[in-house]
Each structure stands twice: as C-alpha cells, then as structure tokens.
C-alpha cells in the first residue's frame, strides 16, 4: 500500500500528515482502546460506506466509547470528500482508514466519559493487487468469547503476530485457524474456496470478522450462481483440497489465492471470472456520491 498523501483529518479538521496530534497518555496509543474501519472510494464515490460506519458505531458502543463525532453519517461523507479533494484523490480510487479512540489515564478500566477523538487518512489505491500466497501459522484466532469478532479493534497484536510468522515463511499473509483447528480467515480478509459445484466459507462460529464484502459475496452466490454454498466449520485439509481459493475484503474485492503452504491453486477460472464480474456490476449499481 502506498504512503498516505499530504493531509489527514483529526477531529474533523484537515491538517498536515506530519503534525503530531496524539499525546503520549492517549489510551488509543497505550492500549489500542479504539475502533477503526478501512474502506475504498471509487473516483469520489463510496460503496457500502453506511455499513462500515454502522459496524464502527456498534464497536464503539461495545467499548463504551462516546460516538458524538460520527453520529451523523452525512458529516463523515462531507469530511471524506474534503480529504479526497485536498489530497488530489477525488478522481481516482483511494483507500481510507477511519479510526476512533478515547483519552484517559493509565490502567485498563476506562473512563467512559473521557474525550473521544477520530482521525482519517487517505492513500492511493493500486490498480491491481498481486495474487497472495498464504501460510498456516501456529498463532490461533482469538475466540469470540474472549474478544468479540464483530468489530475491528485498534489493538491488532493477534493479527500482527500471525502476519509476522507468515512473512517469515515467505508468504504474503497468514491463514488463521481457531483454537479447535477450524479454518477462520486471514489477517486482512475472509476466505472462500470451491470443491466442484460447491462453494465453501467459514461460518461466524469460526471466530472471524464477518466482513462487509463477505456478506455481499454470500448474497451474490445465492442469487446469481448455480453453485451450492456451504457455510460452516471446515478443517484445513478441506481447503487444501479445493479447486480454487480466494479472499475478499473492501479494498481488494475478490482476489484469487495462488498458494497455501505448498499447495498451489489456479488463479483464473470460470467461477472466479463470473464472480468478479457479478461483484463489479453490483458495486457499480450501488456506488453513492459523497454529497448524496
């Protein structure tokens, strides 16, 4: 991913990206006490931005973080438009990250009346993404009973350790499993695969973040595909024996996986081509201008 451009947003104001804004006593810095969302814009238009903001709001409620800054979806859309314009990204595809955190003193018990802050960054989205290789890792996905999987928490140590292990194995990302050995997700995406006429993907019982793009893919498979869809708990060997494997998220959309450990998969297939085309059509039909 490319470096952020010249400006960011802090508490609704556009400032230079090299201007310090977070004090050392911030709970966001000390403990990762916050929530974030990453989404993509398409030449100044958004795709399912309201769903991203809704998930962010639900995560803030879970943490007990005040939500005054993003209570209005329309105000966020206006801020996104201004940031894209300031960084010269209004007519190209961009990746945005919205992050919210709270102030407070040391100690794990938060002050739920503490002041809340948010930031937003924007960077150029690549025209294409390389087909990733994945590696299985010893690090397991944190059970949802210990850390809810319904939001993207700023503290991502579990993912960081998994991605580091995968990198040491020469892979682009980690294919994570639950503590019981079920296939879960990668550190950045949900995963699907196909066996013959059946498409498979892990269920929410596998401690994954049920991605917004994942939900769209499930919907499109059910409505536009002759393939059967099986959502459940799968052992690793089930995925390794697949004909084709792909990941999905809001930035990379539908992206074939070229390899998991020593197992290689086709990067082009009739299924993937059809799914990418259907997804692209759905996205184009649901783009919204930032002033809408």
C-alpha atoms as a PDB file:
ATOM      1  CA  UNK A   1       0.000   0.000   0.000  1.00  0.00           C
ATOM      2  CA  UNK A   2       1.287   3.430  -0.841  1.00  0.00           C
ATOM      3  CA  UNK A   3       2.185   6.080   1.693  1.00  0.00           C
ATOM      4  CA  UNK A   4      -0.551   8.454   2.811  1.00  0.00           C
ATOM      5  CA  UNK A   5      -0.673  11.715   0.913  1.00  0.00           C
ATOM      6  CA  UNK A   6      -0.096  15.172   2.361  1.00  0.00           C
ATOM      7  CA  UNK A   7      -3.097  15.673   4.654  1.00  0.00           C
ATOM      8  CA  UNK A   8      -5.143  13.801   7.206  1.00  0.00           C
ATOM      9  CA  UNK A   9      -8.255  14.534   9.243  1.00  0.00           C
ATOM     10  CA  UNK A  10      -8.105  14.967  13.006  1.00  0.00           C
ATOM     11  CA  UNK A  11     -11.363  15.603  14.861  1.00  0.00           C
ATOM     12  CA  UNK A  12     -12.972  16.876  11.683  1.00  0.00           C
ATOM     13  CA  UNK A  13     -10.197  19.287  10.703  1.00  0.00           C
ATOM     14  CA  UNK A  14      -7.808  18.711   7.801  1.00  0.00           C
ATOM     15  CA  UNK A  15      -4.179  19.036   8.896  1.00  0.00           C
ATOM     16  CA  UNK A  16      -0.727  18.165   7.578  1.00  0.00           C
ATOM     17  CA  UNK A  17       0.093  14.466   7.958  1.00  0.00           C
ATOM     18  CA  UNK A  18       3.356  15.210   9.809  1.00  0.00           C
ATOM     19  CA  UNK A  19       1.644  17.274  12.515  1.00  0.00           C
ATOM     20  CA  UNK A  20       1.605  15.489  15.921  1.00  0.00           C
ATOM     21  CA  UNK A  21      -1.903  15.097  17.313  1.00  0.00           C
ATOM     22  CA  UNK A  22      -1.915  12.127  19.745  1.00  0.00           C
ATOM     23  CA  UNK A  23      -0.483  12.710  23.248  1.00  0.00           C
ATOM     24  CA  UNK A  24       1.575  10.009  24.941  1.00  0.00           C
ATOM     25  CA  UNK A  25      -1.188   9.467  27.522  1.00  0.00           C
ATOM     26  CA  UNK A  26      -3.775   8.568  24.884  1.00  0.00           C
ATOM     27  CA  UNK A  27      -5.483   5.246  25.599  1.00  0.00           C
ATOM     28  CA  UNK A  28      -5.540   4.649  21.869  1.00  0.00           C
ATOM     29  CA  UNK A  29      -1.735   4.713  21.927  1.00  0.00           C
ATOM     30  CA  UNK A  30      -1.221   2.974  25.268  1.00  0.00           C
ATOM     31  CA  UNK A  31      -3.778   0.174  24.938  1.00  0.00           C
ATOM     32  CA  UNK A  32      -5.261   0.280  21.445  1.00  0.00           C
ATOM     33  CA  UNK A  33      -8.520   1.390  23.063  1.00  0.00           C
ATOM     34  CA  UNK A  34     -10.423   2.175  19.906  1.00  0.00           C
ATOM     35  CA  UNK A  35     -12.086   1.038  16.695  1.00  0.00           C
ATOM     36  CA  UNK A  36     -11.229   1.502  13.029  1.00  0.00           C
ATOM     37  CA  UNK A  37     -12.720   0.904   9.598  1.00  0.00           C
ATOM     38  CA  UNK A  38     -10.986   0.702   6.218  1.00  0.00           C
ATOM     39  CA  UNK A  39     -12.946   1.333   3.041  1.00  0.00           C
ATOM     40  CA  UNK A  40     -12.419   2.218  -0.591  1.00  0.00           C
ATOM     41  CA  UNK A  41     -13.666   5.073  -2.723  1.00  0.00           C
ATOM     42  CA  UNK A  42     -14.094   4.917  -6.482  1.00  0.00           C
ATOM     43  CA  UNK A  43     -13.425   8.252  -8.204  1.00  0.00           C
ATOM     44  CA  UNK A  44     -15.056  10.103  -5.337  1.00  0.00           C
ATOM     45  CA  UNK A  45     -17.909   7.637  -4.836  1.00  0.00           C
ATOM     46  CA  UNK A  46     -18.412   5.206  -1.963  1.00  0.00           C
ATOM     47  CA  UNK A  47     -19.574   1.622  -1.775  1.00  0.00           C
ATOM     48  CA  UNK A  48     -21.463   0.461   1.333  1.00  0.00           C
ATOM     49  CA  UNK A  49     -19.949   3.239   3.449  1.00  0.00           C
ATOM     50  CA  UNK A  50     -23.019   3.303   5.690  1.00  0.00           C
ATOM     51  CA  UNK A  51     -22.406  -0.368   6.551  1.00  0.00           C
ATOM     52  CA  UNK A  52     -18.823   0.443   7.551  1.00  0.00           C
ATOM     53  CA  UNK A  53     -19.978   3.325   9.737  1.00  0.00           C
ATOM     54  CA  UNK A  54     -22.697   1.187  11.278  1.00  0.00           C
ATOM     55  CA  UNK A  55     -20.177  -1.510  12.225  1.00  0.00           C
ATOM     56  CA  UNK A  56     -17.863   1.128  13.634  1.00  0.00           C
ATOM     57  CA  UNK A  57     -20.696   2.592  15.714  1.00  0.00           C
ATOM     58  CA  UNK A  58     -21.587  -0.845  17.071  1.00  0.00           C
ATOM     59  CA  UNK A  59     -17.952  -1.406  18.048  1.00  0.00           C
ATOM     60  CA  UNK A  60     -17.796   1.929  19.854  1.00  0.00           C
ATOM     61  CA  UNK A  61     -20.951   1.029  21.759  1.00  0.00           C
ATOM     62  CA  UNK A  62     -19.363  -2.281  22.731  1.00  0.00           C
ATOM     63  CA  UNK A  63     -16.315  -0.478  24.149  1.00  0.00           C
ATOM     64  CA  UNK A  64     -18.400   2.250  25.745  1.00  0.00           C
ATOM     65  CA  UNK A  65     -16.734   4.968  23.690  1.00  0.00           C
ATOM     66  CA  UNK A  66     -18.788   8.083  23.076  1.00  0.00           C
ATOM     67  CA  UNK A  67     -19.920   8.450  19.497  1.00  0.00           C
ATOM     68  CA  UNK A  68     -20.530  12.162  19.111  1.00  0.00           C
ATOM     69  CA  UNK A  69     -18.108  12.644  16.235  1.00  0.00           C
ATOM     70  CA  UNK A  70     -19.666  10.117  13.891  1.00  0.00           C
ATOM     71  CA  UNK A  71     -23.302  10.284  14.919  1.00  0.00           C
ATOM     72  CA  UNK A  72     -24.068  11.899  11.577  1.00  0.00           C
ATOM     73  CA  UNK A  73     -23.218   9.771   8.535  1.00  0.00           C
ATOM     74  CA  UNK A  74     -23.669  12.812   6.311  1.00  0.00           C
ATOM     75  CA  UNK A  75     -20.966  14.761   8.146  1.00  0.00           C
ATOM     76  CA  UNK A  76     -18.484  11.904   7.662  1.00  0.00           C
ATOM     77  CA  UNK A  77     -19.281  11.794   3.942  1.00  0.00           C
ATOM     78  CA  UNK A  78     -18.546  15.502   3.734  1.00  0.00           C
ATOM     79  CA  UNK A  79     -15.239  15.055   5.546  1.00  0.00           C
ATOM     80  CA  UNK A  80     -14.262  12.197   3.220  1.00  0.00           C
ATOM     81  CA  UNK A  81     -14.995  14.412   0.201  1.00  0.00           C
ATOM     82  CA  UNK A  82     -12.862  17.246   1.566  1.00  0.00           C
ATOM     83  CA  UNK A  83      -9.949  14.939   2.377  1.00  0.00           C
ATOM     84  CA  UNK A  84     -10.013  13.320  -1.064  1.00  0.00           C
ATOM     85  CA  UNK A  85     -10.118  16.722  -2.723  1.00  0.00           C
ATOM     86  CA  UNK A  86      -7.269  18.058  -0.581  1.00  0.00           C
ATOM     87  CA  UNK A  87      -5.067  15.070  -1.440  1.00  0.00           C
ATOM     88  CA  UNK A  88      -5.948  15.030  -5.127  1.00  0.00           C
ATOM     89  CA  UNK A  89      -7.833  11.709  -4.906  1.00  0.00           C
ATOM     90  CA  UNK A  90     -11.317  12.774  -5.976  1.00  0.00           C
ATOM     91  CA  UNK A  91     -10.995  11.347  -9.472  1.00  0.00           C
ATOM     92  CA  UNK A  92      -9.088   8.141  -8.663  1.00  0.00           C
ATOM     93  CA  UNK A  93      -9.600   5.131  -6.417  1.00  0.00           C
ATOM     94  CA  UNK A  94      -8.464   5.614  -2.833  1.00  0.00           C
ATOM     95  CA  UNK A  95      -8.145   3.698   0.428  1.00  0.00           C
ATOM     96  CA  UNK A  96      -9.413   5.418   3.568  1.00  0.00           C
ATOM     97  CA  UNK A  97      -8.954   4.495   7.193  1.00  0.00           C
ATOM     98  CA  UNK A  98     -11.213   5.973   9.864  1.00  0.00           C
ATOM     99  CA  UNK A  99     -10.071   5.487  13.455  1.00  0.00           C
ATOM    100  CA  UNK A 100     -11.711   6.463  16.749  1.00  0.00           C
ATOM    101  CA  UNK A 101     -10.144   6.335  20.220  1.00  0.00           C
ATOM    102  CA  UNK A 102     -10.532   7.880  23.650  1.00  0.00           C
ATOM    103  CA  UNK A 103      -8.321   9.732  26.100  1.00  0.00           C
ATOM    104  CA  UNK A 104      -7.664   8.581  29.637  1.00  0.00           C
ATOM    105  CA  UNK A 105      -5.095   7.703  32.241  1.00  0.00           C
ATOM    106  CA  UNK A 106      -3.125   4.505  32.828  1.00  0.00           C
ATOM    107  CA  UNK A 107      -4.996   1.361  33.800  1.00  0.00           C
ATOM    108  CA  UNK A 108      -7.298  -0.948  31.918  1.00  0.00           C
ATOM    109  CA  UNK A 109     -10.504   0.458  33.402  1.00  0.00           C
ATOM    110  CA  UNK A 110     -11.606   3.256  31.048  1.00  0.00           C
ATOM    111  CA  UNK A 111     -13.335   6.492  31.857  1.00  0.00           C
ATOM    112  CA  UNK A 112     -16.426   6.225  29.696  1.00  0.00           C
ATOM    113  CA  UNK A 113     -16.872   9.997  29.865  1.00  0.00           C
ATOM    114  CA  UNK A 114     -13.374  10.605  28.502  1.00  0.00           C
ATOM    115  CA  UNK A 115     -12.943  12.780  25.453  1.00  0.00           C
ATOM    116  CA  UNK A 116     -13.129  10.994  22.101  1.00  0.00           C
ATOM    117  CA  UNK A 117     -11.021  11.685  19.017  1.00  0.00           C
ATOM    118  CA  UNK A 118     -11.005  10.452  15.452  1.00  0.00           C
ATOM    119  CA  UNK A 119      -8.623  10.536  12.522  1.00  0.00           C
ATOM    120  CA  UNK A 120      -8.893   9.717   8.839  1.00  0.00           C
ATOM    121  CA  UNK A 121      -6.208   9.013   6.273  1.00  0.00           C
ATOM    122  CA  UNK A 122      -6.437   8.602   2.512  1.00  0.00           C
ATOM    123  CA  UNK A 123      -3.976   6.939   0.150  1.00  0.00           C
ATOM    124  CA  UNK A 124      -3.913   5.921  -3.493  1.00  0.00           C
ATOM    125  CA  UNK A 125      -5.438   2.507  -4.228  1.00  0.00           C
ATOM    126  CA  UNK A 126      -3.319   0.332  -6.533  1.00  0.00           C
ATOM    127  CA  UNK A 127      -4.805  -0.503  -9.927  1.00  0.00           C
ATOM    128  CA  UNK A 128      -4.186  -4.197  -9.260  1.00  0.00           C
ATOM    129  CA  UNK A 129      -3.277  -6.421  -6.328  1.00  0.00           C
ATOM    130  CA  UNK A 130      -0.933  -9.392  -6.593  1.00  0.00           C
ATOM    131  CA  UNK A 131      -2.482 -12.794  -6.006  1.00  0.00           C
ATOM    132  CA  UNK A 132      -1.397 -13.639  -2.457  1.00  0.00           C
ATOM    133  CA  UNK A 133       0.291 -16.689  -1.059  1.00  0.00           C
ATOM    134  CA  UNK A 134      -0.889 -17.777   2.384  1.00  0.00           C
ATOM    135  CA  UNK A 135       0.829 -19.726   5.129  1.00  0.00           C
ATOM    136  CA  UNK A 136      -0.715 -21.592   8.015  1.00  0.00           C
ATOM    137  CA  UNK A 137       0.645 -20.368  11.337  1.00  0.00           C
ATOM    138  CA  UNK A 138       0.810 -21.510  14.940  1.00  0.00           C
ATOM    139  CA  UNK A 139      -0.958 -18.345  16.138  1.00  0.00           C
ATOM    140  CA  UNK A 140      -4.685 -19.016  16.546  1.00  0.00           C
ATOM    141  CA  UNK A 141      -7.596 -16.662  16.154  1.00  0.00           C
ATOM    142  CA  UNK A 142      -8.767 -15.272  19.483  1.00  0.00           C
ATOM    143  CA  UNK A 143     -12.105 -16.911  20.390  1.00  0.00           C
ATOM    144  CA  UNK A 144     -15.097 -14.609  20.037  1.00  0.00           C
ATOM    145  CA  UNK A 145     -15.982 -15.362  23.654  1.00  0.00           C
ATOM    146  CA  UNK A 146     -12.701 -13.657  24.639  1.00  0.00           C
ATOM    147  CA  UNK A 147     -12.661 -10.867  22.054  1.00  0.00           C
ATOM    148  CA  UNK A 148     -15.830 -10.200  20.062  1.00  0.00           C
ATOM    149  CA  UNK A 149     -15.367 -10.592  16.311  1.00  0.00           C
ATOM    150  CA  UNK A 150     -17.991  -8.049  15.344  1.00  0.00           C
ATOM    151  CA  UNK A 151     -15.675  -5.031  15.136  1.00  0.00           C
ATOM    152  CA  UNK A 152     -12.158  -4.039  14.095  1.00  0.00           C
ATOM    153  CA  UNK A 153     -10.324  -3.133  17.275  1.00  0.00           C
ATOM    154  CA  UNK A 154      -7.263  -0.901  17.136  1.00  0.00           C
ATOM    155  CA  UNK A 155      -5.278  -3.474  19.120  1.00  0.00           C
ATOM    156  CA  UNK A 156      -4.320  -5.985  16.431  1.00  0.00           C
ATOM    157  CA  UNK A 157      -1.499  -7.889  18.147  1.00  0.00           C
ATOM    158  CA  UNK A 158      -3.087 -11.260  17.346  1.00  0.00           C
ATOM    159  CA  UNK A 159      -3.012 -10.434  13.638  1.00  0.00           C
ATOM    160  CA  UNK A 160       0.430  -8.836  13.834  1.00  0.00           C
ATOM    161  CA  UNK A 161       1.995 -11.964  15.321  1.00  0.00           C
ATOM    162  CA  UNK A 162       0.264 -14.171  12.759  1.00  0.00           C
ATOM    163  CA  UNK A 163       1.319 -11.963   9.833  1.00  0.00           C
ATOM    164  CA  UNK A 164       4.889 -11.872  11.131  1.00  0.00           C
ATOM    165  CA  UNK A 165       5.024 -15.660  11.289  1.00  0.00           C
ATOM    166  CA  UNK A 166       3.609 -15.937   7.767  1.00  0.00           C
ATOM    167  CA  UNK A 167       6.164 -13.438   6.484  1.00  0.00           C
ATOM    168  CA  UNK A 168       8.985 -15.469   7.992  1.00  0.00           C
ATOM    169  CA  UNK A 169       7.634 -18.410   5.981  1.00  0.00           C
ATOM    170  CA  UNK A 170       7.817 -16.349   2.792  1.00  0.00           C
ATOM    171  CA  UNK A 171       4.062 -15.827   2.466  1.00  0.00           C
ATOM    172  CA  UNK A 172       2.044 -12.663   1.953  1.00  0.00           C
ATOM    173  CA  UNK A 173      -0.468 -13.338   4.722  1.00  0.00           C
ATOM    174  CA  UNK A 174      -1.479 -15.869   7.348  1.00  0.00           C
ATOM    175  CA  UNK A 175      -4.335 -18.322   7.002  1.00  0.00           C
ATOM    176  CA  UNK A 176      -5.625 -18.393  10.554  1.00  0.00           C
ATOM    177  CA  UNK A 177      -7.450 -21.183  12.341  1.00  0.00           C
ATOM    178  CA  UNK A 178      -9.499 -21.328  15.519  1.00  0.00           C
ATOM    179  CA  UNK A 179      -8.086 -22.916  18.650  1.00  0.00           C
ATOM    180  CA  UNK A 180     -10.057 -26.043  17.648  1.00  0.00           C
ATOM    181  CA  UNK A 181      -8.375 -26.121  14.235  1.00  0.00           C
ATOM    182  CA  UNK A 182     -11.216 -24.818  12.041  1.00  0.00           C
ATOM    183  CA  UNK A 183     -10.296 -22.544   9.131  1.00  0.00           C
ATOM    184  CA  UNK A 184     -11.137 -18.954  10.112  1.00  0.00           C
ATOM    185  CA  UNK A 185      -9.813 -16.067   7.998  1.00  0.00           C
ATOM    186  CA  UNK A 186      -6.607 -14.301   7.007  1.00  0.00           C
ATOM    187  CA  UNK A 187      -5.315 -11.309   8.950  1.00  0.00           C
ATOM    188  CA  UNK A 188      -6.923  -8.929   6.440  1.00  0.00           C
ATOM    189  CA  UNK A 189      -9.671 -10.829   4.643  1.00  0.00           C
ATOM    190  CA  UNK A 190     -12.324 -13.505   4.609  1.00  0.00           C
ATOM    191  CA  UNK A 191     -11.674 -16.671   2.641  1.00  0.00           C
ATOM    192  CA  UNK A 192     -13.735 -18.784   0.216  1.00  0.00           C
ATOM    193  CA  UNK A 193     -12.951 -21.887  -1.814  1.00  0.00           C
ATOM    194  CA  UNK A 194     -14.698 -24.235  -4.227  1.00  0.00           C
ATOM    195  CA  UNK A 195     -14.922 -28.015  -4.486  1.00  0.00           C
ATOM    196  CA  UNK A 196     -16.569 -28.954  -7.761  1.00  0.00           C
ATOM    197  CA  UNK A 197     -20.020 -27.345  -7.720  1.00  0.00           C
ATOM    198  CA  UNK A 198     -19.873 -26.299  -4.045  1.00  0.00           C
ATOM    199  CA  UNK A 199     -18.509 -23.030  -2.682  1.00  0.00           C
ATOM    200  CA  UNK A 200     -17.404 -23.071   0.953  1.00  0.00           C
ATOM    201  CA  UNK A 201     -16.656 -20.382   3.515  1.00  0.00           C
ATOM    202  CA  UNK A 202     -16.238 -20.473   7.319  1.00  0.00           C
ATOM    203  CA  UNK A 203     -19.202 -19.515   9.468  1.00  0.00           C
ATOM    204  CA  UNK A 204     -19.235 -16.868  12.176  1.00  0.00           C
ATOM    205  CA  UNK A 205     -18.716 -19.722  14.658  1.00  0.00           C
ATOM    206  CA  UNK A 206     -15.095 -19.753  13.438  1.00  0.00           C
ATOM    207  CA  UNK A 207     -14.191 -16.513  15.260  1.00  0.00           C
ATOM    208  CA  UNK A 208     -13.901 -14.483  12.054  1.00  0.00           C
ATOM    209  CA  UNK A 209     -14.872 -10.917  11.374  1.00  0.00           C
ATOM    210  CA  UNK A 210     -17.962 -11.244   9.133  1.00  0.00           C
ATOM    211  CA  UNK A 211     -16.736  -8.783   6.530  1.00  0.00           C
ATOM    212  CA  UNK A 212     -18.989  -6.415   4.642  1.00  0.00           C
ATOM    213  CA  UNK A 213     -17.639  -7.705   1.333  1.00  0.00           C
ATOM    214  CA  UNK A 214     -18.062 -11.288   2.578  1.00  0.00           C
ATOM    215  CA  UNK A 215     -21.736 -10.590   3.147  1.00  0.00           C
ATOM    216  CA  UNK A 216     -22.076  -9.273  -0.405  1.00  0.00           C
ATOM    217  CA  UNK A 217     -20.303 -12.318  -1.843  1.00  0.00           C
ATOM    218  CA  UNK A 218     -22.622 -14.659   0.062  1.00  0.00           C
ATOM    219  CA  UNK A 219     -25.635 -12.729  -1.235  1.00  0.00           C
ATOM    220  CA  UNK A 220     -24.398 -12.783  -4.842  1.00  0.00           C
ATOM    221  CA  UNK A 221     -23.598 -16.509  -4.777  1.00  0.00           C
ATOM    222  CA  UNK A 222     -27.093 -17.279  -3.510  1.00  0.00           C
ATOM    223  CA  UNK A 223     -28.791 -15.023  -6.060  1.00  0.00           C
ATOM    224  CA  UNK A 224     -26.669 -15.386  -9.201  1.00  0.00           C
ATOM    225  CA  UNK A 225     -24.792 -18.672  -9.051  1.00  0.00           C
ATOM    226  CA  UNK A 226     -25.652 -22.260  -9.841  1.00  0.00           C
ATOM    227  CA  UNK A 227     -23.118 -23.335  -7.220  1.00  0.00           C
ATOM    228  CA  UNK A 228     -24.202 -24.659  -3.858  1.00  0.00           C
ATOM    229  CA  UNK A 229     -22.999 -22.569  -0.912  1.00  0.00           C
ATOM    230  CA  UNK A 230     -21.882 -24.247   2.297  1.00  0.00           C
ATOM    231  CA  UNK A 231     -21.156 -22.039   5.309  1.00  0.00           C
ATOM    232  CA  UNK A 232     -19.766 -23.968   8.243  1.00  0.00           C
ATOM    233  CA  UNK A 233     -16.767 -25.307  10.130  1.00  0.00           C
ATOM    234  CA  UNK A 234     -14.049 -26.781   7.923  1.00  0.00           C
ATOM    235  CA  UNK A 235     -10.770 -28.488   8.634  1.00  0.00           C
ATOM    236  CA  UNK A 236      -7.645 -27.251   6.875  1.00  0.00           C
ATOM    237  CA  UNK A 237      -7.455 -30.290   4.581  1.00  0.00           C
ATOM    238  CA  UNK A 238     -10.852 -29.374   3.148  1.00  0.00           C
ATOM    239  CA  UNK A 239      -9.497 -26.052   1.918  1.00  0.00           C
ATOM    240  CA  UNK A 240      -6.192 -27.528   0.752  1.00  0.00           C
ATOM    241  CA  UNK A 241      -8.102 -29.950  -1.477  1.00  0.00           C
ATOM    242  CA  UNK A 242     -10.066 -27.168  -3.187  1.00  0.00           C
ATOM    243  CA  UNK A 243     -10.055 -26.401  -6.906  1.00  0.00           C
ATOM    244  CA  UNK A 244      -9.811 -22.655  -6.357  1.00  0.00           C
ATOM    245  CA  UNK A 245      -9.354 -20.370  -3.317  1.00  0.00           C
ATOM    246  CA  UNK A 246      -9.972 -16.640  -2.982  1.00  0.00           C
ATOM    247  CA  UNK A 247     -10.039 -13.912  -0.374  1.00  0.00           C
ATOM    248  CA  UNK A 248     -12.261 -10.863  -0.198  1.00  0.00           C
ATOM    249  CA  UNK A 249     -12.288  -7.538   1.590  1.00  0.00           C
ATOM    250  CA  UNK A 250     -13.440  -3.995   0.928  1.00  0.00           C
ATOM    251  CA  UNK A 251     -10.171  -2.910  -0.677  1.00  0.00           C
ATOM    252  CA  UNK A 252      -9.123  -5.989  -2.676  1.00  0.00           C
ATOM    253  CA  UNK A 253     -12.674  -7.088  -3.520  1.00  0.00           C
ATOM    254  CA  UNK A 254     -12.442 -10.662  -4.941  1.00  0.00           C
ATOM    255  CA  UNK A 255      -8.812 -11.800  -5.205  1.00  0.00           C
ATOM    256  CA  UNK A 256      -7.615 -15.320  -6.101  1.00  0.00           C
ATOM    257  CA  UNK A 257      -5.102 -17.041  -3.809  1.00  0.00           C
ATOM    258  CA  UNK A 258      -2.199 -18.600  -5.649  1.00  0.00           C
ATOM    259  CA  UNK A 259      -0.832 -20.782  -2.848  1.00  0.00           C
ATOM    260  CA  UNK A 260      -1.429 -22.018   0.703  1.00  0.00           C
ATOM    261  CA  UNK A 261       1.738 -23.507   2.164  1.00  0.00           C
ATOM    262  CA  UNK A 262       2.977 -25.861  -0.593  1.00  0.00           C
ATOM    263  CA  UNK A 263      -0.449 -26.249  -2.239  1.00  0.00           C
ATOM    264  CA  UNK A 264      -0.974 -24.227  -5.430  1.00  0.00           C
ATOM    265  CA  UNK A 265      -4.316 -23.142  -6.880  1.00  0.00           C
ATOM    266  CA  UNK A 266      -5.466 -21.815 -10.230  1.00  0.00           C
ATOM    267  CA  UNK A 267      -5.652 -18.041 -10.450  1.00  0.00           C
ATOM    268  CA  UNK A 268      -8.150 -17.961 -13.307  1.00  0.00           C
ATOM    269  CA  UNK A 269     -11.313 -19.997 -13.565  1.00  0.00           C
ATOM    270  CA  UNK A 270     -14.804 -19.704 -14.968  1.00  0.00           C
ATOM    271  CA  UNK A 271     -16.171 -19.410 -11.430  1.00  0.00           C
ATOM    272  CA  UNK A 272     -13.825 -16.617 -10.373  1.00  0.00           C
ATOM    273  CA  UNK A 273     -14.314 -14.660 -13.583  1.00  0.00           C
ATOM    274  CA  UNK A 274     -18.090 -14.854 -13.243  1.00  0.00           C
ATOM    275  CA  UNK A 275     -17.992 -13.908  -9.552  1.00  0.00           C
ATOM    276  CA  UNK A 276     -15.709 -10.933 -10.180  1.00  0.00           C
ATOM    277  CA  UNK A 277     -17.996  -9.718 -12.952  1.00  0.00           C
ATOM    278  CA  UNK A 278     -21.127 -10.061 -10.835  1.00  0.00           C
ATOM    279  CA  UNK A 279     -19.439  -8.298  -7.922  1.00  0.00           C
ATOM    280  CA  UNK A 280     -18.252  -5.476 -10.176  1.00  0.00           C
ATOM    281  CA  UNK A 281     -21.769  -4.991 -11.550  1.00  0.00           C
ATOM    282  CA  UNK A 282     -23.244  -4.982  -8.043  1.00  0.00           C
ATOM    283  CA  UNK A 283     -20.683  -2.459  -6.851  1.00  0.00           C
ATOM    284  CA  UNK A 284     -21.270  -0.128  -9.801  1.00  0.00           C
ATOM    285  CA  UNK A 285     -25.029  -0.281  -9.211  1.00  0.00           C
ATOM    286  CA  UNK A 286     -24.577   0.632  -5.542  1.00  0.00           C
ATOM    287  CA  UNK A 287     -21.991   3.407  -5.696  1.00  0.00           C
ATOM    288  CA  UNK A 288     -23.046   6.608  -3.946  1.00  0.00           C
ATOM    289  CA  UNK A 289     -21.694  10.109  -4.459  1.00  0.00           C
ATOM    290  CA  UNK A 290     -20.237  11.674  -1.336  1.00  0.00           C
ATOM    291  CA  UNK A 291     -22.755  14.503  -1.484  1.00  0.00           C
ATOM    292  CA  UNK A 292     -25.631  12.010  -1.606  1.00  0.00           C
END
